[in-house]
C-alpha atoms as a PDB file:
ATOM      1  CA  UNK A   1     -11.669  19.086  -4.297  1.00  0.00           C
ATOM      2  CA  UNK A   2      -7.936  19.790  -4.692  1.00  0.00           C
ATOM      3  CA  UNK A   3      -8.244  22.841  -2.438  1.00  0.00           C
ATOM      4  CA  UNK A   4      -9.839  20.760   0.324  1.00  0.00           C
ATOM      5  CA  UNK A   5      -7.010  18.180   0.261  1.00  0.00           C
ATOM      6  CA  UNK A   6      -4.358  20.855   0.042  1.00  0.00           C
ATOM      7  CA  UNK A   7      -5.824  22.595   3.084  1.00  0.00           C
ATOM      8  CA  UNK A   8      -6.035  19.328   5.021  1.00  0.00           C
ATOM      9  CA  UNK A   9      -2.418  18.396   4.264  1.00  0.00           C
ATOM     10  CA  UNK A  10      -1.242  21.896   5.157  1.00  0.00           C
ATOM     11  CA  UNK A  11      -3.044  21.817   8.511  1.00  0.00           C
ATOM     12  CA  UNK A  12      -1.632  18.380   9.299  1.00  0.00           C
ATOM     13  CA  UNK A  13       1.904  19.502   8.504  1.00  0.00           C
ATOM     14  CA  UNK A  14       1.577  22.655  10.593  1.00  0.00           C
ATOM     15  CA  UNK A  15       0.103  20.700  13.476  1.00  0.00           C
ATOM     16  CA  UNK A  16       2.837  18.050  13.439  1.00  0.00           C
ATOM     17  CA  UNK A  17       5.599  20.665  13.230  1.00  0.00           C
ATOM     18  CA  UNK A  18       4.093  22.511  16.167  1.00  0.00           C
ATOM     19  CA  UNK A  19       3.818  19.310  18.210  1.00  0.00           C
ATOM     20  CA  UNK A  20       7.427  18.343  17.458  1.00  0.00           C
ATOM     21  CA  UNK A  21       8.706  21.809  18.331  1.00  0.00           C
ATOM     22  CA  UNK A  22       6.986  21.858  21.713  1.00  0.00           C
ATOM     23  CA  UNK A  23       7.628  18.228  22.625  1.00  0.00           C
ATOM     24  CA  UNK A  24       8.875  19.017  26.128  1.00  0.00           C
ATOM     25  CA  UNK A  25       7.536  15.659  27.343  1.00  0.00           C
ATOM     26  CA  UNK A  26      10.617  14.013  25.825  1.00  0.00           C
ATOM     27  CA  UNK A  27      12.712  15.478  28.671  1.00  0.00           C
ATOM     28  CA  UNK A  28      12.982  13.865  32.118  1.00  0.00           C
ATOM     29  CA  UNK A  29      11.635  16.518  34.526  1.00  0.00           C
ATOM     30  CA  UNK A  30      12.438  14.199  37.453  1.00  0.00           C
ATOM     31  CA  UNK A  31      16.166  14.364  36.722  1.00  0.00           C
ATOM     32  CA  UNK A  32      17.708  17.810  36.970  1.00  0.00           C
ATOM     33  CA  UNK A  33      21.216  18.442  35.686  1.00  0.00           C
ATOM     34  CA  UNK A  34      23.290  21.384  36.869  1.00  0.00           C
ATOM     35  CA  UNK A  35      26.446  21.927  34.852  1.00  0.00           C
ATOM     36  CA  UNK A  36      29.089  24.605  35.230  1.00  0.00           C
ATOM     37  CA  UNK A  37      30.925  24.430  31.937  1.00  0.00           C
ATOM     38  CA  UNK A  38      32.505  26.589  29.255  1.00  0.00           C
ATOM     39  CA  UNK A  39      30.402  27.102  26.148  1.00  0.00           C
ATOM     40  CA  UNK A  40      31.813  25.212  23.177  1.00  0.00           C
ATOM     41  CA  UNK A  41      29.407  26.669  20.619  1.00  0.00           C
ATOM     42  CA  UNK A  42      26.649  29.306  20.643  1.00  0.00           C
ATOM     43  CA  UNK A  43      23.719  29.670  18.217  1.00  0.00           C
ATOM     44  CA  UNK A  44      21.678  32.723  19.174  1.00  0.00           C
ATOM     45  CA  UNK A  45      18.724  32.278  16.805  1.00  0.00           C
ATOM     46  CA  UNK A  46      15.025  31.492  16.640  1.00  0.00           C
ATOM     47  CA  UNK A  47      12.974  29.542  17.468  1.00  0.00           C
ATOM     48  CA  UNK A  48      15.302  28.829  20.426  1.00  0.00           C
ATOM     49  CA  UNK A  49      18.876  29.765  21.111  1.00  0.00           C
ATOM     50  CA  UNK A  50      21.163  26.780  21.546  1.00  0.00           C
ATOM     51  CA  UNK A  51      24.562  26.185  23.048  1.00  0.00           C
ATOM     52  CA  UNK A  52      26.815  23.168  23.030  1.00  0.00           C
ATOM     53  CA  UNK A  53      28.951  22.096  25.974  1.00  0.00           C
ATOM     54  CA  UNK A  54      31.306  19.243  26.815  1.00  0.00           C
ATOM     55  CA  UNK A  55      30.221  17.137  29.812  1.00  0.00           C
ATOM     56  CA  UNK A  56      31.203  13.603  30.845  1.00  0.00           C
ATOM     57  CA  UNK A  57      33.094  13.050  27.612  1.00  0.00           C
ATOM     58  CA  UNK A  58      30.120  13.974  25.416  1.00  0.00           C
ATOM     59  CA  UNK A  59      29.076  17.078  23.558  1.00  0.00           C
ATOM     60  CA  UNK A  60      25.658  18.156  24.840  1.00  0.00           C
ATOM     61  CA  UNK A  61      23.160  20.279  22.938  1.00  0.00           C
ATOM     62  CA  UNK A  62      21.413  22.677  25.318  1.00  0.00           C
ATOM     63  CA  UNK A  63      18.090  24.174  24.203  1.00  0.00           C
ATOM     64  CA  UNK A  64      17.632  27.645  25.661  1.00  0.00           C
ATOM     65  CA  UNK A  65      14.637  29.999  25.285  1.00  0.00           C
ATOM     66  CA  UNK A  66      13.519  32.117  22.335  1.00  0.00           C
ATOM     67  CA  UNK A  67      15.861  35.075  21.942  1.00  0.00           C
ATOM     68  CA  UNK A  68      13.094  37.612  22.584  1.00  0.00           C
ATOM     69  CA  UNK A  69      12.468  36.051  26.009  1.00  0.00           C
ATOM     70  CA  UNK A  70      16.160  35.926  26.881  1.00  0.00           C
ATOM     71  CA  UNK A  71      16.683  39.533  25.852  1.00  0.00           C
ATOM     72  CA  UNK A  72      13.622  40.729  27.768  1.00  0.00           C
ATOM     73  CA  UNK A  73      14.969  38.959  30.862  1.00  0.00           C
ATOM     74  CA  UNK A  74      18.406  40.517  30.533  1.00  0.00           C
ATOM     75  CA  UNK A  75      20.461  38.074  28.449  1.00  0.00           C
ATOM     76  CA  UNK A  76      21.543  39.784  25.207  1.00  0.00           C
ATOM     77  CA  UNK A  77      23.369  37.922  22.455  1.00  0.00           C
ATOM     78  CA  UNK A  78      26.772  39.339  23.412  1.00  0.00           C
ATOM     79  CA  UNK A  79      26.511  37.762  26.898  1.00  0.00           C
ATOM     80  CA  UNK A  80      26.974  34.276  25.431  1.00  0.00           C
ATOM     81  CA  UNK A  81      30.246  33.462  23.717  1.00  0.00           C
ATOM     82  CA  UNK A  82      32.272  30.351  23.077  1.00  0.00           C
ATOM     83  CA  UNK A  83      34.744  29.841  25.912  1.00  0.00           C
ATOM     84  CA  UNK A  84      32.668  31.653  28.536  1.00  0.00           C
ATOM     85  CA  UNK A  85      31.879  29.525  31.604  1.00  0.00           C
ATOM     86  CA  UNK A  86      28.185  29.396  32.555  1.00  0.00           C
ATOM     87  CA  UNK A  87      25.985  27.333  34.846  1.00  0.00           C
ATOM     88  CA  UNK A  88      23.092  25.563  33.154  1.00  0.00           C
ATOM     89  CA  UNK A  89      20.228  23.907  35.013  1.00  0.00           C
ATOM     90  CA  UNK A  90      17.788  21.774  33.109  1.00  0.00           C
ATOM     91  CA  UNK A  91      16.384  18.409  32.171  1.00  0.00           C
ATOM     92  CA  UNK A  92      18.055  15.755  30.015  1.00  0.00           C
ATOM     93  CA  UNK A  93      16.221  13.928  27.235  1.00  0.00           C
ATOM     94  CA  UNK A  94      14.468  10.787  28.421  1.00  0.00           C
ATOM     95  CA  UNK A  95      15.928   8.713  25.578  1.00  0.00           C
ATOM     96  CA  UNK A  96      19.486   9.214  26.838  1.00  0.00           C
ATOM     97  CA  UNK A  97      20.675  11.408  23.987  1.00  0.00           C
ATOM     98  CA  UNK A  98      23.012  14.253  24.953  1.00  0.00           C
ATOM     99  CA  UNK A  99      20.461  17.071  24.958  1.00  0.00           C
ATOM    100  CA  UNK A 100      19.196  19.299  27.749  1.00  0.00           C
ATOM    101  CA  UNK A 101      16.145  21.547  27.996  1.00  0.00           C
ATOM    102  CA  UNK A 102      17.529  24.448  30.041  1.00  0.00           C
ATOM    103  CA  UNK A 103      15.327  25.957  32.737  1.00  0.00           C
ATOM    104  CA  UNK A 104      17.831  28.610  33.776  1.00  0.00           C
ATOM    105  CA  UNK A 105      21.300  29.795  32.922  1.00  0.00           C
ATOM    106  CA  UNK A 106      23.723  31.781  35.052  1.00  0.00           C
ATOM    107  CA  UNK A 107      26.024  34.083  33.120  1.00  0.00           C
ATOM    108  CA  UNK A 108      28.452  36.541  34.761  1.00  0.00           C
ATOM    109  CA  UNK A 109      26.782  35.928  38.140  1.00  0.00           C
ATOM    110  CA  UNK A 110      23.288  36.702  36.845  1.00  0.00           C
ATOM    111  CA  UNK A 111      20.678  33.927  36.713  1.00  0.00           C
ATOM    112  CA  UNK A 112      18.140  34.079  33.897  1.00  0.00           C
ATOM    113  CA  UNK A 113      14.919  32.044  34.163  1.00  0.00           C
ATOM    114  CA  UNK A 114      14.235  30.650  30.700  1.00  0.00           C
ATOM    115  CA  UNK A 115      10.743  29.167  31.100  1.00  0.00           C
END
């Protein structure tokens, strides 16, 4: 009996974590932002790399792609560094929080499709 409940709880937790991680519906795909800004912070890690930028007086969190995808498309970790100016195109969160789901990033004149 315990094993059955443990398995059920485990599956529910895994399912909810997966749903939260891939909740792309919380971004407004009808409103595209294109920012050319210096990177304030870079976190090149899984499950998605992230950068932070300053825009309109706010610090924005930008969700990039998994590092394996970025590297396979020609964007290694050393291409992103704090202070480097990049162009980011993506969708802002629908709830108005300062977060963007990036669709592409242009670094050193090279555009990388992230999705």
